[in-house]
Amino acid sequence: MPFAPLLDTSVTGVGLIAVFLIFGGGGLVKYVVESMNRTRIELAQLRTHQKDTQGSGREVEALRAEMTALRAQMSELRDTTTQYDLSFDTALQRMERRVEHVEQQQRLLH
């Protein structure tokens, strides 16, 4: 074990650790801990952003599907409206012919 002398519980080992921590080692340990915490926070933020992005992706897909369904319904409505319009137009032309026929018969009688 390469760090076995530092982990020695003898007075010399404790002294070395104390000297290390007093003369700059504490700052190094503090920096390492802060760096690890910063990394954990960044990873948590990335995971949260990734989950939000996935949720948005699902929402976008749902909206696209809804838009496709609405377009299909609009197309069906246009077709139905066109059919009713043509049917109404045909019925109106038939009635005009009948009225003309009735008017012609009345003119002949008078």
PDB file of N, CA and C in Angstrom:
ATOM      1  N   MET A   1       0.852  -1.166   0.000  1.00  0.00           N
ATOM      2  CA  MET A   1       0.000   0.000   0.000  1.00  0.00           C
ATOM      3  C   MET A   1       0.904   1.237   0.000  1.00  0.00           C
ATOM      4  N   PRO A   2       0.790   2.110  -1.012  1.00  0.00           N
ATOM      5  CA  PRO A   2       1.716   3.232  -1.111  1.00  0.00           C
ATOM      6  C   PRO A   2       1.504   4.292  -0.029  1.00  0.00           C
ATOM      7  N   PHE A   3       0.302   4.386   0.519  1.00  0.00           N
ATOM      8  CA  PHE A   3       0.053   5.414   1.534  1.00  0.00           C
ATOM      9  C   PHE A   3       0.101   4.859   2.945  1.00  0.00           C
ATOM     10  N   ALA A   4       0.645   3.684   3.104  1.00  0.00           N
ATOM     11  CA  ALA A   4       0.710   3.044   4.411  1.00  0.00           C
ATOM     12  C   ALA A   4       1.446   3.899   5.439  1.00  0.00           C
ATOM     13  N   PRO A   5       2.541   4.614   5.087  1.00  0.00           N
ATOM     14  CA  PRO A   5       3.200   5.442   6.103  1.00  0.00           C
ATOM     15  C   PRO A   5       2.298   6.578   6.578  1.00  0.00           C
ATOM     16  N   LEU A   6       1.439   7.087   5.696  1.00  0.00           N
ATOM     17  CA  LEU A   6       0.563   8.174   6.121  1.00  0.00           C
ATOM     18  C   LEU A   6      -0.558   7.684   7.018  1.00  0.00           C
ATOM     19  N   LEU A   7      -0.918   6.408   6.854  1.00  0.00           N
ATOM     20  CA  LEU A   7      -1.985   5.850   7.664  1.00  0.00           C
ATOM     21  C   LEU A   7      -1.483   5.236   8.962  1.00  0.00           C
ATOM     22  N   ASP A   8      -0.195   5.303   9.176  1.00  0.00           N
ATOM     23  CA  ASP A   8       0.409   4.761  10.404  1.00  0.00           C
ATOM     24  C   ASP A   8      -0.111   5.570  11.584  1.00  0.00           C
ATOM     25  N   THR A   9      -0.556   4.879  12.626  1.00  0.00           N
ATOM     26  CA  THR A   9      -1.112   5.563  13.791  1.00  0.00           C
ATOM     27  C   THR A   9      -0.044   5.948  14.809  1.00  0.00           C
ATOM     28  N   SER A  10       1.180   5.733  14.480  1.00  0.00           N
ATOM     29  CA  SER A  10       2.242   6.115  15.410  1.00  0.00           C
ATOM     30  C   SER A  10       2.332   7.636  15.453  1.00  0.00           C
ATOM     31  N   VAL A  11       3.119   8.137  16.359  1.00  0.00           N
ATOM     32  CA  VAL A  11       3.297   9.571  16.535  1.00  0.00           C
ATOM     33  C   VAL A  11       3.867  10.177  15.270  1.00  0.00           C
ATOM     34  N   THR A  12       4.745   9.510  14.606  1.00  0.00           N
ATOM     35  CA  THR A  12       5.349  10.023  13.389  1.00  0.00           C
ATOM     36  C   THR A  12       4.300  10.180  12.301  1.00  0.00           C
ATOM     37  N   GLY A  13       3.415   9.176  12.129  1.00  0.00           N
ATOM     38  CA  GLY A  13       2.358   9.221  11.106  1.00  0.00           C
ATOM     39  C   GLY A  13       1.381  10.347  11.380  1.00  0.00           C
ATOM     40  N   VAL A  14       0.966  10.499  12.631  1.00  0.00           N
ATOM     41  CA  VAL A  14       0.036  11.561  12.994  1.00  0.00           C
ATOM     42  C   VAL A  14       0.701  12.911  12.791  1.00  0.00           C
ATOM     43  N   GLY A  15       1.963  12.992  13.113  1.00  0.00           N
ATOM     44  CA  GLY A  15       2.707  14.243  12.934  1.00  0.00           C
ATOM     45  C   GLY A  15       2.804  14.627  11.473  1.00  0.00           C
ATOM     46  N   LEU A  16       3.088  13.651  10.628  1.00  0.00           N
ATOM     47  CA  LEU A  16       3.180  13.939   9.195  1.00  0.00           C
ATOM     48  C   LEU A  16       1.836  14.417   8.636  1.00  0.00           C
ATOM     49  N   ILE A  17       0.785  13.783   9.062  1.00  0.00           N
ATOM     50  CA  ILE A  17      -0.544  14.190   8.604  1.00  0.00           C
ATOM     51  C   ILE A  17      -0.857  15.596   9.102  1.00  0.00           C
ATOM     52  N   ALA A  18      -0.525  15.879  10.353  1.00  0.00           N
ATOM     53  CA  ALA A  18      -0.785  17.211  10.916  1.00  0.00           C
ATOM     54  C   ALA A  18       0.012  18.273  10.167  1.00  0.00           C
ATOM     55  N   VAL A  19       1.291  18.006   9.918  1.00  0.00           N
ATOM     56  CA  VAL A  19       2.117  18.972   9.188  1.00  0.00           C
ATOM     57  C   VAL A  19       1.569  19.173   7.780  1.00  0.00           C
ATOM     58  N   PHE A  20       1.156  18.105   7.126  1.00  0.00           N
ATOM     59  CA  PHE A  20       0.602  18.196   5.781  1.00  0.00           C
ATOM     60  C   PHE A  20      -0.648  19.072   5.771  1.00  0.00           C
ATOM     61  N   LEU A  21      -1.562  18.843   6.724  1.00  0.00           N
ATOM     62  CA  LEU A  21      -2.790  19.610   6.775  1.00  0.00           C
ATOM     63  C   LEU A  21      -2.545  21.077   7.137  1.00  0.00           C
ATOM     64  N   ILE A  22      -1.580  21.339   8.018  1.00  0.00           N
ATOM     65  CA  ILE A  22      -1.289  22.716   8.436  1.00  0.00           C
ATOM     66  C   ILE A  22      -0.655  23.508   7.312  1.00  0.00           C
ATOM     67  N   PHE A  23       0.277  22.930   6.596  1.00  0.00           N
ATOM     68  CA  PHE A  23       1.013  23.658   5.562  1.00  0.00           C
ATOM     69  C   PHE A  23       0.461  23.400   4.157  1.00  0.00           C
ATOM     70  N   GLY A  24      -0.789  23.688   3.954  1.00  0.00           N
ATOM     71  CA  GLY A  24      -1.330  23.656   2.604  1.00  0.00           C
ATOM     72  C   GLY A  24      -2.126  22.427   2.259  1.00  0.00           C
ATOM     73  N   GLY A  25      -1.991  21.401   2.951  1.00  0.00           N
ATOM     74  CA  GLY A  25      -2.747  20.183   2.633  1.00  0.00           C
ATOM     75  C   GLY A  25      -4.229  20.382   2.878  1.00  0.00           C
ATOM     76  N   GLY A  26      -4.563  21.182   3.890  1.00  0.00           N
ATOM     77  CA  GLY A  26      -5.978  21.449   4.185  1.00  0.00           C
ATOM     78  C   GLY A  26      -6.643  22.167   3.033  1.00  0.00           C
ATOM     79  N   GLY A  27      -5.926  23.105   2.438  1.00  0.00           N
ATOM     80  CA  GLY A  27      -6.472  23.820   1.273  1.00  0.00           C
ATOM     81  C   GLY A  27      -6.692  22.885   0.109  1.00  0.00           C
ATOM     82  N   LEU A  28      -5.755  21.966  -0.063  1.00  0.00           N
ATOM     83  CA  LEU A  28      -5.878  20.994  -1.142  1.00  0.00           C
ATOM     84  C   LEU A  28      -7.081  20.082  -0.919  1.00  0.00           C
ATOM     85  N   VAL A  29      -7.242  19.605   0.303  1.00  0.00           N
ATOM     86  CA  VAL A  29      -8.381  18.743   0.630  1.00  0.00           C
ATOM     87  C   VAL A  29      -9.685  19.519   0.416  1.00  0.00           C
ATOM     88  N   LYS A  30      -9.701  20.775   0.878  1.00  0.00           N
ATOM     89  CA  LYS A  30     -10.885  21.612   0.712  1.00  0.00           C
ATOM     90  C   LYS A  30     -11.202  21.800  -0.777  1.00  0.00           C
ATOM     91  N   TYR A  31     -10.166  22.057  -1.587  1.00  0.00           N
ATOM     92  CA  TYR A  31     -10.350  22.241  -3.033  1.00  0.00           C
ATOM     93  C   TYR A  31     -10.918  20.974  -3.675  1.00  0.00           C
ATOM     94  N   VAL A  32     -10.385  19.812  -3.284  1.00  0.00           N
ATOM     95  CA  VAL A  32     -10.854  18.541  -3.845  1.00  0.00           C
ATOM     96  C   VAL A  32     -12.320  18.310  -3.487  1.00  0.00           C
ATOM     97  N   VAL A  33     -12.678  18.578  -2.227  1.00  0.00           N
ATOM     98  CA  VAL A  33     -14.067  18.372  -1.790  1.00  0.00           C
ATOM     99  C   VAL A  33     -14.994  19.336  -2.516  1.00  0.00           C
ATOM    100  N   GLU A  34     -14.590  20.604  -2.637  1.00  0.00           N
ATOM    101  CA  GLU A  34     -15.416  21.585  -3.348  1.00  0.00           C
ATOM    102  C   GLU A  34     -15.569  21.207  -4.823  1.00  0.00           C
ATOM    103  N   SER A  35     -14.494  20.726  -5.421  1.00  0.00           N
ATOM    104  CA  SER A  35     -14.542  20.311  -6.817  1.00  0.00           C
ATOM    105  C   SER A  35     -15.494  19.128  -6.997  1.00  0.00           C
ATOM    106  N   MET A  36     -15.440  18.189  -6.079  1.00  0.00           N
ATOM    107  CA  MET A  36     -16.340  17.036  -6.151  1.00  0.00           C
ATOM    108  C   MET A  36     -17.797  17.488  -6.000  1.00  0.00           C
ATOM    109  N   ASN A  37     -18.043  18.403  -5.072  1.00  0.00           N
ATOM    110  CA  ASN A  37     -19.409  18.896  -4.875  1.00  0.00           C
ATOM    111  C   ASN A  37     -19.908  19.657  -6.109  1.00  0.00           C
ATOM    112  N   ARG A  38     -19.046  20.471  -6.699  1.00  0.00           N
ATOM    113  CA  ARG A  38     -19.404  21.210  -7.903  1.00  0.00           C
ATOM    114  C   ARG A  38     -19.754  20.238  -9.043  1.00  0.00           C
ATOM    115  N   THR A  39     -18.953  19.195  -9.164  1.00  0.00           N
ATOM    116  CA  THR A  39     -19.199  18.188 -10.194  1.00  0.00           C
ATOM    117  C   THR A  39     -20.532  17.490  -9.962  1.00  0.00           C
ATOM    118  N   ARG A  40     -20.833  17.159  -8.713  1.00  0.00           N
ATOM    119  CA  ARG A  40     -22.117  16.514  -8.400  1.00  0.00           C
ATOM    120  C   ARG A  40     -23.290  17.430  -8.742  1.00  0.00           C
ATOM    121  N   ILE A  41     -23.157  18.708  -8.434  1.00  0.00           N
ATOM    122  CA  ILE A  41     -24.222  19.664  -8.742  1.00  0.00           C
ATOM    123  C   ILE A  41     -24.415  19.768 -10.256  1.00  0.00           C
ATOM    124  N   GLU A  42     -23.312  19.864 -10.997  1.00  0.00           N
ATOM    125  CA  GLU A  42     -23.408  19.962 -12.455  1.00  0.00           C
ATOM    126  C   GLU A  42     -24.047  18.717 -13.054  1.00  0.00           C
ATOM    127  N   LEU A  43     -23.676  17.544 -12.525  1.00  0.00           N
ATOM    128  CA  LEU A  43     -24.278  16.301 -13.019  1.00  0.00           C
ATOM    129  C   LEU A  43     -25.776  16.271 -12.731  1.00  0.00           C
ATOM    130  N   ALA A  44     -26.164  16.709 -11.530  1.00  0.00           N
ATOM    131  CA  ALA A  44     -27.589  16.744 -11.191  1.00  0.00           C
ATOM    132  C   ALA A  44     -28.335  17.705 -12.116  1.00  0.00           C
ATOM    133  N   GLN A  45     -27.732  18.867 -12.409  1.00  0.00           N
ATOM    134  CA  GLN A  45     -28.372  19.827 -13.316  1.00  0.00           C
ATOM    135  C   GLN A  45     -28.496  19.243 -14.724  1.00  0.00           C
ATOM    136  N   LEU A  46     -27.463  18.563 -15.191  1.00  0.00           N
ATOM    137  CA  LEU A  46     -27.521  17.939 -16.516  1.00  0.00           C
ATOM    138  C   LEU A  46     -28.599  16.865 -16.584  1.00  0.00           C
ATOM    139  N   ARG A  47     -28.702  16.063 -15.515  1.00  0.00           N
ATOM    140  CA  ARG A  47     -29.743  15.030 -15.492  1.00  0.00           C
ATOM    141  C   ARG A  47     -31.131  15.660 -15.495  1.00  0.00           C
ATOM    142  N   THR A  48     -31.311  16.720 -14.731  1.00  0.00           N
ATOM    143  CA  THR A  48     -32.594  17.408 -14.694  1.00  0.00           C
ATOM    144  C   THR A  48     -32.915  17.986 -16.062  1.00  0.00           C
ATOM    145  N   HIS A  49     -31.936  18.614 -16.690  1.00  0.00           N
ATOM    146  CA  HIS A  49     -32.143  19.191 -18.024  1.00  0.00           C
ATOM    147  C   HIS A  49     -32.475  18.101 -19.033  1.00  0.00           C
ATOM    148  N   GLN A  50     -31.795  16.966 -18.909  1.00  0.00           N
ATOM    149  CA  GLN A  50     -32.044  15.856 -19.829  1.00  0.00           C
ATOM    150  C   GLN A  50     -33.463  15.327 -19.640  1.00  0.00           C
ATOM    151  N   LYS A  51     -33.929  15.214 -18.403  1.00  0.00           N
ATOM    152  CA  LYS A  51     -35.296  14.746 -18.157  1.00  0.00           C
ATOM    153  C   LYS A  51     -36.300  15.748 -18.703  1.00  0.00           C
ATOM    154  N   ASP A  52     -36.032  17.047 -18.506  1.00  0.00           N
ATOM    155  CA  ASP A  52     -36.917  18.076 -19.040  1.00  0.00           C
ATOM    156  C   ASP A  52     -36.973  18.007 -20.557  1.00  0.00           C
ATOM    157  N   THR A  53     -35.822  17.790 -21.179  1.00  0.00           N
ATOM    158  CA  THR A  53     -35.757  17.720 -22.634  1.00  0.00           C
ATOM    159  C   THR A  53     -36.535  16.511 -23.133  1.00  0.00           C
ATOM    160  N   GLN A  54     -36.411  15.389 -22.426  1.00  0.00           N
ATOM    161  CA  GLN A  54     -37.156  14.196 -22.833  1.00  0.00           C
ATOM    162  C   GLN A  54     -38.645  14.430 -22.683  1.00  0.00           C
ATOM    163  N   GLY A  55     -39.046  15.092 -21.606  1.00  0.00           N
ATOM    164  CA  GLY A  55     -40.455  15.412 -21.411  1.00  0.00           C
ATOM    165  C   GLY A  55     -40.951  16.316 -22.503  1.00  0.00           C
ATOM    166  N   SER A  56     -40.163  17.295 -22.874  1.00  0.00           N
ATOM    167  CA  SER A  56     -40.541  18.209 -23.949  1.00  0.00           C
ATOM    168  C   SER A  56     -40.655  17.454 -25.266  1.00  0.00           C
ATOM    169  N   GLY A  57     -39.755  16.523 -25.482  1.00  0.00           N
ATOM    170  CA  GLY A  57     -39.809  15.726 -26.709  1.00  0.00           C
ATOM    171  C   GLY A  57     -41.108  14.947 -26.807  1.00  0.00           C
ATOM    172  N   ARG A  58     -41.531  14.376 -25.683  1.00  0.00           N
ATOM    173  CA  ARG A  58     -42.794  13.639 -25.673  1.00  0.00           C
ATOM    174  C   ARG A  58     -43.965  14.583 -25.916  1.00  0.00           C
ATOM    175  N   GLU A  59     -43.899  15.760 -25.316  1.00  0.00           N
ATOM    176  CA  GLU A  59     -44.962  16.741 -25.508  1.00  0.00           C
ATOM    177  C   GLU A  59     -45.021  17.206 -26.963  1.00  0.00           C
ATOM    178  N   VAL A  60     -43.859  17.400 -27.562  1.00  0.00           N
ATOM    179  CA  VAL A  60     -43.819  17.818 -28.960  1.00  0.00           C
ATOM    180  C   VAL A  60     -44.398  16.730 -29.853  1.00  0.00           C
ATOM    181  N   GLU A  61     -44.057  15.487 -29.577  1.00  0.00           N
ATOM    182  CA  GLU A  61     -44.597  14.381 -30.362  1.00  0.00           C
ATOM    183  C   GLU A  61     -46.114  14.294 -30.198  1.00  0.00           C
ATOM    184  N   ALA A  62     -46.603  14.514 -28.981  1.00  0.00           N
ATOM    185  CA  ALA A  62     -48.048  14.492 -28.746  1.00  0.00           C
ATOM    186  C   ALA A  62     -48.724  15.620 -29.519  1.00  0.00           C
ATOM    187  N   LEU A  63     -48.104  16.794 -29.524  1.00  0.00           N
ATOM    188  CA  LEU A  63     -48.662  17.923 -30.282  1.00  0.00           C
ATOM    189  C   LEU A  63     -48.665  17.638 -31.778  1.00  0.00           C
ATOM    190  N   ARG A  64     -47.595  17.021 -32.261  1.00  0.00           N
ATOM    191  CA  ARG A  64     -47.545  16.674 -33.682  1.00  0.00           C
ATOM    192  C   ARG A  64     -48.648  15.689 -34.043  1.00  0.00           C
ATOM    193  N   ALA A  65     -48.846  14.696 -33.198  1.00  0.00           N
ATOM    194  CA  ALA A  65     -49.899  13.708 -33.446  1.00  0.00           C
ATOM    195  C   ALA A  65     -51.271  14.392 -33.435  1.00  0.00           C
ATOM    196  N   GLU A  66     -51.472  15.293 -32.493  1.00  0.00           N
ATOM    197  CA  GLU A  66     -52.739  16.019 -32.417  1.00  0.00           C
ATOM    198  C   GLU A  66     -52.952  16.886 -33.657  1.00  0.00           C
ATOM    199  N   MET A  67     -51.883  17.548 -34.103  1.00  0.00           N
ATOM    200  CA  MET A  67     -51.980  18.378 -35.314  1.00  0.00           C
ATOM    201  C   MET A  67     -52.305  17.524 -36.539  1.00  0.00           C
ATOM    202  N   THR A  68     -51.707  16.353 -36.631  1.00  0.00           N
ATOM    203  CA  THR A  68     -51.991  15.445 -37.740  1.00  0.00           C
ATOM    204  C   THR A  68     -53.457  15.022 -37.709  1.00  0.00           C
ATOM    205  N   ALA A  69     -53.962  14.705 -36.521  1.00  0.00           N
ATOM    206  CA  ALA A  69     -55.370  14.320 -36.385  1.00  0.00           C
ATOM    207  C   ALA A  69     -56.285  15.483 -36.767  1.00  0.00           C
ATOM    208  N   LEU A  70     -55.925  16.692 -36.327  1.00  0.00           N
ATOM    209  CA  LEU A  70     -56.738  17.863 -36.677  1.00  0.00           C
ATOM    210  C   LEU A  70     -56.732  18.132 -38.184  1.00  0.00           C
ATOM    211  N   ARG A  71     -55.589  17.957 -38.818  1.00  0.00           N
ATOM    212  CA  ARG A  71     -55.522  18.137 -40.268  1.00  0.00           C
ATOM    213  C   ARG A  71     -56.422  17.122 -40.988  1.00  0.00           C
ATOM    214  N   ALA A  72     -56.393  15.885 -40.505  1.00  0.00           N
ATOM    215  CA  ALA A  72     -57.244  14.856 -41.120  1.00  0.00           C
ATOM    216  C   ALA A  72     -58.720  15.209 -40.937  1.00  0.00           C
ATOM    217  N   GLN A  73     -59.079  15.682 -39.749  1.00  0.00           N
ATOM    218  CA  GLN A  73     -60.469  16.071 -39.507  1.00  0.00           C
ATOM    219  C   GLN A  73     -60.868  17.255 -40.389  1.00  0.00           C
ATOM    220  N   MET A  74     -59.976  18.216 -40.540  1.00  0.00           N
ATOM    221  CA  MET A  74     -60.267  19.366 -41.393  1.00  0.00           C
ATOM    222  C   MET A  74     -60.467  18.926 -42.850  1.00  0.00           C
ATOM    223  N   SER A  75     -59.649  17.995 -43.294  1.00  0.00           N
ATOM    224  CA  SER A  75     -59.781  17.484 -44.656  1.00  0.00           C
ATOM    225  C   SER A  75     -61.126  16.787 -44.834  1.00  0.00           C
ATOM    226  N   GLU A  76     -61.516  15.971 -43.857  1.00  0.00           N
ATOM    227  CA  GLU A  76     -62.814  15.294 -43.915  1.00  0.00           C
ATOM    228  C   GLU A  76     -63.951  16.316 -43.909  1.00  0.00           C
ATOM    229  N   LEU A  77     -63.818  17.343 -43.088  1.00  0.00           N
ATOM    230  CA  LEU A  77     -64.846  18.373 -43.017  1.00  0.00           C
ATOM    231  C   LEU A  77     -64.973  19.121 -44.352  1.00  0.00           C
ATOM    232  N   ARG A  78     -63.832  19.414 -44.983  1.00  0.00           N
ATOM    233  CA  ARG A  78     -63.850  20.062 -46.296  1.00  0.00           C
ATOM    234  C   ARG A  78     -64.563  19.186 -47.328  1.00  0.00           C
ATOM    235  N   ASP A  79     -64.236  17.905 -47.314  1.00  0.00           N
ATOM    236  CA  ASP A  79     -64.874  16.982 -48.260  1.00  0.00           C
ATOM    237  C   ASP A  79     -66.382  16.920 -48.029  1.00  0.00           C
ATOM    238  N   THR A  80     -66.776  16.804 -46.768  1.00  0.00           N
ATOM    239  CA  THR A  80     -68.205  16.737 -46.446  1.00  0.00           C
ATOM    240  C   THR A  80     -68.908  18.028 -46.849  1.00  0.00           C
ATOM    241  N   THR A  81     -68.286  19.159 -46.561  1.00  0.00           N
ATOM    242  CA  THR A  81     -68.869  20.453 -46.918  1.00  0.00           C
ATOM    243  C   THR A  81     -69.021  20.577 -48.430  1.00  0.00           C
ATOM    244  N   THR A  82     -68.006  20.140 -49.148  1.00  0.00           N
ATOM    245  CA  THR A  82     -68.072  20.185 -50.612  1.00  0.00           C
ATOM    246  C   THR A  82     -69.206  19.318 -51.132  1.00  0.00           C
ATOM    247  N   GLN A  83     -69.364  18.117 -50.557  1.00  0.00           N
ATOM    248  CA  GLN A  83     -70.443  17.227 -50.981  1.00  0.00           C
ATOM    249  C   GLN A  83     -71.810  17.853 -50.715  1.00  0.00           C
ATOM    250  N   TYR A  84     -71.987  18.447 -49.526  1.00  0.00           N
ATOM    251  CA  TYR A  84     -73.262  19.104 -49.217  1.00  0.00           C
ATOM    252  C   TYR A  84     -73.493  20.304 -50.127  1.00  0.00           C
ATOM    253  N   ASP A  85     -72.424  21.031 -50.418  1.00  0.00           N
ATOM    254  CA  ASP A  85     -72.549  22.193 -51.291  1.00  0.00           C
ATOM    255  C   ASP A  85     -73.002  21.767 -52.687  1.00  0.00           C
ATOM    256  N   LEU A  86     -72.389  20.725 -53.213  1.00  0.00           N
ATOM    257  CA  LEU A  86     -72.773  20.228 -54.539  1.00  0.00           C
ATOM    258  C   LEU A  86     -74.204  19.688 -54.526  1.00  0.00           C
ATOM    259  N   SER A  87     -74.543  18.988 -53.455  1.00  0.00           N
ATOM    260  CA  SER A  87     -75.892  18.440 -53.349  1.00  0.00           C
ATOM    261  C   SER A  87     -76.917  19.573 -53.283  1.00  0.00           C
ATOM    262  N   PHE A  88     -76.635  20.600 -52.502  1.00  0.00           N
ATOM    263  CA  PHE A  88     -77.535  21.751 -52.395  1.00  0.00           C
ATOM    264  C   PHE A  88     -77.656  22.462 -53.739  1.00  0.00           C
ATOM    265  N   ASP A  89     -76.524  22.613 -54.413  1.00  0.00           N
ATOM    266  CA  ASP A  89     -76.512  23.273 -55.718  1.00  0.00           C
ATOM    267  C   ASP A  89     -77.363  22.497 -56.724  1.00  0.00           C
ATOM    268  N   THR A  90     -77.252  21.197 -56.727  1.00  0.00           N
ATOM    269  CA  THR A  90     -78.032  20.349 -57.632  1.00  0.00           C
ATOM    270  C   THR A  90     -79.523  20.471 -57.327  1.00  0.00           C
ATOM    271  N   ALA A  91     -79.868  20.435 -56.039  1.00  0.00           N
ATOM    272  CA  ALA A  91     -81.274  20.556 -55.648  1.00  0.00           C
ATOM    273  C   ALA A  91     -81.821  21.924 -56.047  1.00  0.00           C
ATOM    274  N   LEU A  92     -81.037  22.964 -55.878  1.00  0.00           N
ATOM    275  CA  LEU A  92     -81.461  24.310 -56.258  1.00  0.00           C
ATOM    276  C   LEU A  92     -81.685  24.409 -57.768  1.00  0.00           C
ATOM    277  N   GLN A  93     -80.820  23.824 -58.565  1.00  0.00           N
ATOM    278  CA  GLN A  93     -80.995  23.832 -60.024  1.00  0.00           C
ATOM    279  C   GLN A  93     -82.256  23.074 -60.430  1.00  0.00           C
ATOM    280  N   ARG A  94     -82.528  21.957 -59.761  1.00  0.00           N
ATOM    281  CA  ARG A  94     -83.752  21.186 -60.038  1.00  0.00           C
ATOM    282  C   ARG A  94     -85.000  22.013 -59.745  1.00  0.00           C
ATOM    283  N   MET A  95     -84.961  22.722 -58.618  1.00  0.00           N
ATOM    284  CA  MET A  95     -86.113  23.547 -58.263  1.00  0.00           C
ATOM    285  C   MET A  95     -86.296  24.694 -59.259  1.00  0.00           C
ATOM    286  N   GLU A  96     -85.201  25.290 -59.714  1.00  0.00           N
ATOM    287  CA  GLU A  96     -85.296  26.361 -60.709  1.00  0.00           C
ATOM    288  C   GLU A  96     -85.923  25.845 -61.998  1.00  0.00           C
ATOM    289  N   ARG A  97     -85.547  24.663 -62.428  1.00  0.00           N
ATOM    290  CA  ARG A  97     -86.131  24.074 -63.640  1.00  0.00           C
ATOM    291  C   ARG A  97     -87.630  23.836 -63.450  1.00  0.00           C
ATOM    292  N   ARG A  98     -88.016  23.351 -62.271  1.00  0.00           N
ATOM    293  CA  ARG A  98     -89.439  23.100 -61.999  1.00  0.00           C
ATOM    294  C   ARG A  98     -90.233  24.411 -62.022  1.00  0.00           C
ATOM    295  N   VAL A  99     -89.649  25.435 -61.384  1.00  0.00           N
ATOM    296  CA  VAL A  99     -90.335  26.731 -61.366  1.00  0.00           C
ATOM    297  C   VAL A  99     -90.476  27.270 -62.787  1.00  0.00           C
ATOM    298  N   GLU A 100     -89.433  27.156 -63.580  1.00  0.00           N
ATOM    299  CA  GLU A 100     -89.496  27.602 -64.982  1.00  0.00           C
ATOM    300  C   GLU A 100     -90.580  26.830 -65.741  1.00  0.00           C
ATOM    301  N   HIS A 101     -90.648  25.533 -65.476  1.00  0.00           N
ATOM    302  CA  HIS A 101     -91.645  24.703 -66.138  1.00  0.00           C
ATOM    303  C   HIS A 101     -93.052  25.143 -65.746  1.00  0.00           C
ATOM    304  N   VAL A 102     -93.253  25.396 -64.431  1.00  0.00           N
ATOM    305  CA  VAL A 102     -94.565  25.837 -63.953  1.00  0.00           C
ATOM    306  C   VAL A 102     -94.894  27.204 -64.559  1.00  0.00           C
ATOM    307  N   GLU A 103     -93.911  28.112 -64.611  1.00  0.00           N
ATOM    308  CA  GLU A 103     -94.142  29.446 -65.176  1.00  0.00           C
ATOM    309  C   GLU A 103     -94.508  29.336 -66.664  1.00  0.00           C
ATOM    310  N   GLN A 104     -93.855  28.445 -67.405  1.00  0.00           N
ATOM    311  CA  GLN A 104     -94.152  28.268 -68.816  1.00  0.00           C
ATOM    312  C   GLN A 104     -95.588  27.762 -69.012  1.00  0.00           C
ATOM    313  N   GLN A 105     -95.997  26.837 -68.149  1.00  0.00           N
ATOM    314  CA  GLN A 105     -97.349  26.295 -68.262  1.00  0.00           C
ATOM    315  C   GLN A 105     -98.378  27.372 -67.969  1.00  0.00           C
ATOM    316  N   GLN A 106     -98.092  28.250 -67.012  1.00  0.00           N
ATOM    317  CA  GLN A 106     -99.039  29.322 -66.690  1.00  0.00           C
ATOM    318  C   GLN A 106     -99.118  30.331 -67.831  1.00  0.00           C
ATOM    319  N   ARG A 107     -98.017  30.624 -68.508  1.00  0.00           N
ATOM    320  CA  ARG A 107     -98.026  31.548 -69.629  1.00  0.00           C
ATOM    321  C   ARG A 107     -98.857  30.978 -70.786  1.00  0.00           C
ATOM    322  N   LEU A 108     -98.725  29.687 -70.988  1.00  0.00           N
ATOM    323  CA  LEU A 108     -99.483  29.055 -72.049  1.00  0.00           C
ATOM    324  C   LEU A 108    -100.976  29.079 -71.765  1.00  0.00           C
ATOM    325  N   LEU A 109    -101.337  28.986 -70.497  1.00  0.00           N
ATOM    326  CA  LEU A 109    -102.750  28.987 -70.121  1.00  0.00           C
ATOM    327  C   LEU A 109    -103.333  30.400 -70.219  1.00  0.00           C
ATOM    328  N   HIS A 110    -102.582  31.401 -70.137  1.00  0.00           N
ATOM    329  CA  HIS A 110    -103.073  32.769 -70.158  1.00  0.00           C
ATOM    330  C   HIS A 110    -102.874  33.383 -71.464  1.00  0.00           C
TER     331      HIS A 110
END
